[in-house]
Protein backbone atom coordinates (compact mmCIF):
# COMPACT_ATOMS: atom_id res chain seq x y z
CA MET A 1 0.01 -0.06 -0.06
CA ASN A 2 1.41 3.25 -1.02
CA LYS A 3 2.02 6.07 2.36
CA ILE A 4 -0.08 8.78 2.70
CA LYS A 5 2.11 12.09 1.04
CA ARG A 6 2.08 15.17 3.42
CA ILE A 7 0.61 17.98 2.33
CA ALA A 8 2.24 21.37 2.04
CA LEU A 9 1.72 25.54 1.38
CA ILE A 10 3.93 27.68 1.34
CA THR A 11 2.87 30.91 1.09
CA GLY A 12 5.33 33.30 -1.85
CA SER A 13 6.78 30.42 -3.22
CA ALA A 14 7.38 30.51 -6.82
CA LYS A 15 11.17 31.97 -6.26
CA ARG A 16 13.39 33.21 -3.92
CA ILE A 17 13.47 31.54 -0.47
CA GLY A 18 9.79 30.38 -0.89
CA ALA A 19 10.88 28.57 -4.26
CA SER A 20 14.00 26.73 -1.76
CA ILE A 21 11.95 25.59 0.33
CA ALA A 22 9.14 23.83 -2.31
CA ARG A 23 12.31 21.95 -2.76
CA HIS A 24 13.60 21.13 -0.11
CA LEU A 25 10.37 20.00 0.93
CA HIS A 26 9.82 17.95 -2.41
CA ASN A 27 12.79 16.43 -1.98
CA LEU A 28 11.71 14.79 1.78
CA ASP A 29 8.56 12.97 -0.03
CA ILE A 30 6.42 16.05 0.95
CA ASN A 31 4.30 17.89 -1.88
CA ILE A 32 3.58 21.22 -2.62
CA MET A 33 0.60 24.04 -2.96
CA ILE A 34 2.97 26.51 -4.47
CA HIS A 35 1.26 29.76 -4.03
CA HIS A 36 1.60 32.78 -6.06
CA ASN A 37 0.55 36.22 -7.21
CA GLN A 38 1.85 37.67 -9.84
CA SER A 39 4.91 35.35 -10.66
CA TYR A 40 2.86 32.87 -12.90
CA GLU A 41 5.74 31.39 -14.96
CA GLU A 42 7.90 30.78 -12.01
CA ALA A 43 5.15 29.06 -10.64
CA SER A 44 3.83 27.23 -13.28
CA GLU A 45 7.39 26.14 -14.46
CA LEU A 46 8.02 25.40 -10.71
CA ALA A 47 5.34 23.11 -10.44
CA LYS A 48 6.70 21.72 -14.36
CA GLU A 49 9.91 21.10 -12.13
CA LEU A 50 8.82 19.32 -9.10
CA ASN A 51 6.17 16.80 -11.00
CA LYS A 52 8.89 15.96 -13.65
CA LYS A 53 10.60 14.51 -10.09
CA ARG A 54 7.30 13.35 -8.88
CA ALA A 55 4.10 12.96 -10.44
CA ASN A 56 0.55 14.66 -9.09
CA SER A 57 2.97 15.99 -6.70
CA ALA A 58 2.79 19.96 -7.31
CA ALA A 59 0.41 22.53 -7.77
CA THR A 60 -0.48 26.10 -8.35
CA VAL A 61 -3.18 28.70 -6.51
CA GLN A 62 -2.81 32.06 -7.54
CA ALA A 63 -4.44 34.74 -4.85
CA ASN A 64 -3.66 38.69 -4.02
CA LEU A 65 -3.73 38.07 -0.23
CA LEU A 66 -4.63 41.36 0.25
CA HIS A 67 -8.05 40.42 -1.06
CA SER A 68 -10.54 38.84 2.52
CA ASP A 69 -11.71 36.02 -0.34
CA SER A 70 -8.00 34.91 -1.02
CA TYR A 71 -7.64 32.95 2.47
CA THR A 72 -10.41 29.90 1.96
CA LYS A 73 -9.98 29.57 -1.16
CA VAL A 74 -6.55 28.90 -1.41
CA ILE A 75 -7.03 26.34 1.85
CA SER A 76 -10.03 25.10 0.03
CA GLU A 77 -7.94 24.58 -3.29
CA VAL A 78 -5.32 22.87 -1.13
CA ILE A 79 -8.03 20.32 -0.33
CA SER A 80 -9.56 19.99 -3.51
CA VAL A 81 -6.08 19.20 -5.10
CA PHE A 82 -4.81 16.68 -2.46
CA GLY A 83 -7.50 15.69 0.09
CA GLN A 84 -5.56 17.39 3.03
CA LEU A 85 -2.91 19.58 4.53
CA ASP A 86 0.14 18.94 6.74
CA PHE A 87 1.95 21.91 6.85
CA LEU A 88 1.32 26.07 6.45
CA ILE A 89 4.14 27.97 5.36
CA ASN A 90 3.33 31.90 5.44
CA ASN A 91 6.02 33.11 3.63
CA ALA A 92 4.45 35.66 1.26
CA SER A 93 6.08 39.07 2.60
CA THR A 94 5.79 42.92 0.71
CA TYR A 95 8.70 44.90 1.51
CA TYR A 96 10.39 48.24 1.31
CA ALA A 97 10.43 51.83 3.36
CA THR A 98 7.71 53.77 4.96
CA PRO A 99 9.85 57.01 6.24
CA ILE A 100 7.79 58.31 9.56
CA HIS A 101 6.29 61.10 6.48
CA THR A 102 5.06 59.18 4.02
CA ILE A 103 2.75 56.33 6.13
CA ASN A 104 -0.38 56.45 5.03
CA GLN A 105 -3.60 54.02 4.28
CA GLU A 106 -2.62 52.38 1.24
CA ASN A 107 1.22 50.85 2.24
CA TRP A 108 -0.73 50.83 5.96
CA ASP A 109 -2.23 47.95 4.49
CA ASP A 110 -0.40 46.46 1.74
CA LEU A 111 2.32 45.99 4.27
CA MET A 112 0.21 44.71 7.81
CA GLY A 113 -1.82 42.79 5.23
CA THR A 114 0.61 40.62 3.42
CA ASN A 115 3.22 40.19 6.37
CA LEU A 116 0.40 39.89 8.94
CA LYS A 117 -3.14 39.57 8.89
CA ALA A 118 -2.60 36.97 5.82
CA PRO A 119 -0.90 35.10 8.17
CA LEU A 120 -3.05 34.79 10.66
CA MET A 121 -6.50 34.32 8.38
CA LEU A 122 -5.08 32.01 6.54
CA SER A 123 -3.83 29.23 9.60
CA GLN A 124 -7.87 30.11 10.74
CA SER A 125 -8.85 28.70 7.35
CA ALA A 126 -6.95 25.85 7.83
CA VAL A 127 -7.27 25.41 10.86
CA LYS A 128 -9.76 22.37 10.84
CA TYR A 129 -7.81 20.72 8.48
CA LEU A 130 -3.87 20.99 10.39
CA GLU A 131 -5.96 19.40 13.16
CA LYS A 132 -6.94 16.06 11.13
CA THR A 133 -3.24 15.72 10.51
CA LYS A 134 -1.73 16.92 13.83
CA GLY A 135 -0.04 19.86 11.36
CA SER A 136 2.18 22.58 11.71
CA ILE A 137 2.47 25.92 11.16
CA ILE A 138 5.09 28.10 10.14
CA ASN A 139 5.64 31.25 9.64
CA ILE A 140 8.86 33.71 8.31
CA THR A 141 9.76 36.46 9.88
CA ASP A 142 12.69 38.91 9.73
CA ALA A 143 15.60 39.17 12.57
CA GLN A 144 15.39 42.50 11.57
CA ILE A 145 12.87 43.75 13.63
CA GLN A 146 14.95 42.43 16.79
CA ASN A 147 16.40 46.26 15.70
CA PRO A 148 14.29 47.76 13.60
CA LYS A 149 15.69 49.53 10.11
CA ASN A 150 15.47 52.94 10.20
CA ASP A 151 12.10 54.33 8.13
CA TYR A 152 10.60 50.46 7.85
CA VAL A 153 8.15 51.72 10.41
CA VAL A 154 5.36 50.05 9.12
CA TYR A 155 7.34 46.38 7.81
CA SER A 156 8.67 46.39 11.15
CA LEU A 157 5.64 46.27 13.63
CA ALA A 158 3.88 43.73 10.84
CA LYS A 159 6.63 41.02 11.60
CA SER A 160 7.14 41.84 15.03
CA GLY A 161 3.06 41.35 15.43
CA LEU A 162 3.81 38.26 13.06
CA THR A 163 5.89 37.01 16.20
CA THR A 164 3.47 37.59 19.04
CA LEU A 165 1.28 36.41 16.61
CA THR A 166 3.41 32.67 16.39
CA LYS A 167 2.70 32.59 19.99
CA ALA A 168 -0.53 33.27 20.36
CA LEU A 169 -1.09 30.88 18.11
CA ALA A 170 1.04 27.88 19.99
CA LYS A 171 -0.98 28.81 22.84
CA ASN A 172 -4.45 29.07 20.70
CA LEU A 173 -3.44 26.00 18.63
CA GLY A 174 -2.74 23.23 21.22
CA PRO A 175 -2.13 20.58 21.53
CA ASN A 176 -2.84 19.28 17.87
CA ILE A 177 -0.79 21.56 16.29
CA ARG A 178 2.15 23.39 16.33
CA VAL A 179 3.50 26.39 15.88
CA ASN A 180 6.34 28.01 15.29
CA ALA A 181 8.39 30.82 13.54
CA ILE A 182 11.45 30.93 11.55
CA ALA A 183 13.53 34.70 11.37
CA PRO A 184 16.01 35.05 8.42
CA GLY A 185 18.57 37.07 8.78
CA ALA A 186 21.39 37.79 5.78
CA ILE A 187 19.82 35.85 3.74
CA LEU A 188 19.15 37.08 0.09
CA TRP A 189 19.16 40.61 -1.56
CA PRO A 190 15.57 42.44 -2.33
CA ASP A 191 15.77 41.80 -5.77
CA SER A 192 15.22 45.00 -6.26
CA ASN A 193 16.53 47.76 -3.83
CA GLN A 194 18.68 50.66 -5.33
CA GLU A 195 19.91 51.28 -0.88
CA MET A 196 21.92 48.51 -1.29
CA ASP A 197 25.44 49.00 -2.69
CA GLU A 198 28.43 46.69 -2.13
CA ASN A 199 29.09 49.47 0.71
CA TYR A 200 25.83 48.52 2.55
CA ARG A 201 25.79 45.09 1.92
CA LYS A 202 29.51 44.52 3.15
CA SER A 203 28.22 46.60 6.39
CA VAL A 204 25.66 43.89 6.79
CA VAL A 205 27.69 40.95 6.24
CA SER A 206 30.35 42.44 9.02
CA GLN A 207 27.80 42.73 11.26
CA THR A 208 26.76 39.39 11.35
CA LEU A 209 29.85 37.04 14.17
CA LEU A 210 30.11 35.07 11.77
CA LYS A 211 31.64 37.12 8.80
CA GLN A 212 29.35 35.57 6.39
CA MET A 213 26.42 35.45 4.49
CA GLY A 214 23.58 33.00 4.67
CA CYS A 215 22.03 30.99 1.80
CA PRO A 216 17.96 29.99 1.29
CA GLU A 217 19.20 26.42 2.57
CA ASP A 218 20.07 27.11 6.10
CA ILE A 219 16.37 28.60 6.17
CA CYS A 220 15.42 24.54 4.46
CA SER A 221 17.07 23.15 7.11
CA ALA A 222 15.37 25.37 9.77
CA VAL A 223 12.14 24.33 8.26
CA GLU A 224 12.98 21.05 8.36
CA TYR A 225 13.95 20.22 12.00
CA LEU A 226 10.56 22.29 12.50
CA LEU A 227 8.68 20.45 10.67
CA LEU A 228 9.48 17.24 10.73
CA HIS A 229 12.03 16.82 13.74
CA ALA A 230 11.26 19.36 16.49
CA SER A 231 7.80 17.41 17.84
CA TYR A 232 7.75 19.02 20.91
CA VAL A 233 8.68 22.36 20.03
CA THR A 234 5.79 25.82 19.66
CA GLY A 235 5.84 28.90 20.11
CA GLN A 236 8.99 29.64 19.28
CA THR A 237 11.15 31.63 16.57
CA ILE A 238 14.68 30.26 15.17
CA THR A 239 16.45 33.47 14.13
CA VAL A 240 18.85 32.17 11.00
CA ASP A 241 20.85 35.42 11.26
CA GLY A 242 24.26 34.42 11.79
CA GLY A 243 24.40 35.96 15.06
CA ARG A 244 23.90 39.11 13.73
CA LYS A 245 21.47 40.67 16.72
CA TYR A 246 24.45 40.14 19.27
CA SER A 247 26.86 42.31 17.01
């Protein structure tokens, strides 16, 4: 008899760290639902890549997580395609500066919606399915929030809230669902950020105790640990930043 595969939904997993997590978990015999918003081509190519390795092991779902009807849509699609949900990884994120004088309703809703509201509402929609599988939730936060970067006011607030949400969900969803977070440091630079010239990047790396950049696999290893090897761990945040917070 074939063993039933475990199913992971990873938001924002068409590219960058999300895609790395998808590939890593897929290599561990976990089937993957790839969520994307605008990155249709990247999501399709990733699904094709994974399905080539193992037939019918990956699918995609498109949703703008700022829309209130997206949460049940995404979870329902997972169940429709795979029949169950074991792991929810809230990875989708929006990142840009909001100096105090520029904060308005639009950027507030955008940054809070993607980075805090969506993880909460997706978790709420997933609860009844995760309870059946004694599943697990991982929220991807940011090591930077321990010493917020100038001008990233709303982003820092949203990610700080996500850390608190992780603890609150762990208390509310135990004993059947574990909830943890991972706080990446300097792993990948933003796709487009003119502020981050070579001197700035060298400065960031020099602030780490290990004097080097991290890589996506460092995050993947933390994800694997929390999902598969940490059955007695919940409500925790693992910081993966090369010790930068201690510099």
